[in-house]
Amino acid sequence: MKDTFISSEGRIGRFVFTLRIVLLVLLTLGVTKVAIDYFNHWHHGNYSPLGAFFGIVIALICSMVGLMQLLKRLRDMGRPAYWTLFMLVPGANLLVLLYAAVAPSKSN
């Protein structure tokens, strides 16, 4: 099966998981910075809140894609899917991401 970036089906390893999460974070930060700079310097009025709005929308989309990547990684580690609920708990979410980035894959 071909692995797609926006699907939660399949399995991914540690390196691919870490690379994809870093890419999603950089995409979110980059789009937010560009949007804020664009709307702060727009000459047709004061639309600076639109930059933050675009950043929030992109962050939500990237977080959903990141959860899909986490599901793939949890499946690869042999962990249950409900571990994604830890992403709602501040502090625990960073520990789960760190664990997913360093834990070895479960052999079949």
Protein backbone atom coordinates (compact mmCIF):
# COMPACT_ATOMS: atom_id res chain seq x y z
CA MET A 1 0.00 0.00 0.00
CA LYS A 2 1.28 3.44 -0.90
CA ASP A 3 1.78 5.64 2.16
CA THR A 4 0.04 8.99 1.84
CA PHE A 5 0.75 12.02 4.00
CA ILE A 6 -2.87 12.81 4.89
CA SER A 7 -4.02 9.29 5.71
CA SER A 8 -3.98 7.49 9.05
CA GLU A 9 -3.67 4.08 7.42
CA GLY A 10 -0.38 2.22 7.48
CA ARG A 11 2.73 2.46 9.61
CA ILE A 12 5.72 4.79 9.72
CA GLY A 13 9.06 4.60 11.46
CA ARG A 14 10.73 6.96 13.90
CA PHE A 15 12.69 8.99 11.39
CA VAL A 16 9.78 9.53 9.00
CA PHE A 17 7.49 10.46 11.91
CA THR A 18 9.94 13.00 13.29
CA LEU A 19 10.61 14.47 9.85
CA ARG A 20 6.90 14.85 9.10
CA ILE A 21 6.12 16.49 12.45
CA VAL A 22 9.01 18.94 12.00
CA LEU A 23 7.78 19.75 8.47
CA LEU A 24 4.25 20.39 9.75
CA VAL A 25 5.53 22.71 12.49
CA LEU A 26 7.72 24.61 10.02
CA LEU A 27 4.81 24.92 7.59
CA THR A 28 2.59 26.33 10.32
CA LEU A 29 5.20 28.82 11.48
CA GLY A 30 6.08 29.88 7.94
CA VAL A 31 2.50 30.44 6.79
CA THR A 32 1.68 32.34 9.98
CA LYS A 33 4.71 34.62 9.61
CA VAL A 34 3.99 35.33 5.94
CA ALA A 35 0.28 35.97 6.61
CA ILE A 36 0.96 38.31 9.53
CA ASP A 37 3.57 40.24 7.55
CA TYR A 38 1.27 40.46 4.52
CA PHE A 39 -1.79 41.72 6.37
CA ASN A 40 0.18 44.11 8.60
CA HIS A 41 1.55 45.88 5.52
CA TRP A 42 -1.59 45.83 3.42
CA HIS A 43 -2.40 49.36 2.29
CA HIS A 44 -6.18 48.97 2.06
CA GLY A 45 -7.04 49.19 5.75
CA ASN A 46 -6.30 47.53 9.05
CA TYR A 47 -6.59 43.79 8.45
CA SER A 48 -3.81 42.59 10.76
CA PRO A 49 -6.06 40.08 12.66
CA LEU A 50 -6.45 38.16 9.40
CA GLY A 51 -2.81 37.06 9.61
CA ALA A 52 -3.37 35.42 12.98
CA PHE A 53 -6.61 33.90 11.70
CA PHE A 54 -4.84 32.28 8.74
CA GLY A 55 -2.17 31.02 11.12
CA ILE A 56 -4.78 29.43 13.37
CA VAL A 57 -6.54 27.77 10.43
CA ILE A 58 -3.26 26.34 9.11
CA ALA A 59 -2.30 25.21 12.64
CA LEU A 60 -5.59 23.32 12.99
CA ILE A 61 -5.13 21.62 9.63
CA CYS A 62 -1.53 20.71 10.42
CA SER A 63 -2.48 19.39 13.86
CA MET A 64 -5.05 17.06 12.27
CA VAL A 65 -2.43 15.80 9.82
CA GLY A 66 -0.01 15.44 12.75
CA LEU A 67 -2.55 13.32 14.61
CA MET A 68 -2.80 11.07 11.56
CA GLN A 69 0.98 10.68 11.61
CA LEU A 70 0.85 9.88 15.33
CA LEU A 71 -1.76 7.19 14.69
CA LYS A 72 0.52 5.59 12.11
CA ARG A 73 3.44 5.73 14.52
CA LEU A 74 1.41 4.28 17.41
CA ARG A 75 0.32 1.42 15.16
CA ASP A 76 3.98 0.83 14.26
CA MET A 77 4.93 0.73 17.96
CA GLY A 78 2.07 -1.64 18.83
CA ARG A 79 0.32 0.89 21.07
CA PRO A 80 -3.44 1.52 21.20
CA ALA A 81 -4.98 4.37 19.22
CA TYR A 82 -6.52 5.98 22.31
CA TRP A 83 -3.05 7.28 23.20
CA THR A 84 -3.82 10.13 20.81
CA LEU A 85 -6.15 11.48 23.51
CA PHE A 86 -3.04 12.37 25.52
CA MET A 87 -2.48 15.10 22.93
CA LEU A 88 -5.30 17.02 24.68
CA VAL A 89 -3.41 17.08 28.00
CA PRO A 90 -0.83 19.88 28.30
CA GLY A 91 2.57 18.47 29.16
CA ALA A 92 1.57 14.90 28.45
CA ASN A 93 1.32 15.71 24.75
CA LEU A 94 5.01 16.57 24.59
CA LEU A 95 5.90 13.36 26.41
CA VAL A 96 3.82 11.28 23.97
CA LEU A 97 5.44 12.99 20.97
CA LEU A 98 8.90 12.45 22.43
CA TYR A 99 8.11 8.81 23.19
CA ALA A 100 6.77 8.28 19.66
CA ALA A 101 9.90 9.84 18.22
CA VAL A 102 12.34 7.58 20.10
CA ALA A 103 10.51 4.30 20.78
CA PRO A 104 11.50 1.35 18.62
CA SER A 105 9.10 -0.27 16.18
CA LYS A 106 7.35 -3.46 17.15
CA SER A 107 8.42 -6.37 14.95
CA ASN A 108 5.66 -8.46 13.38
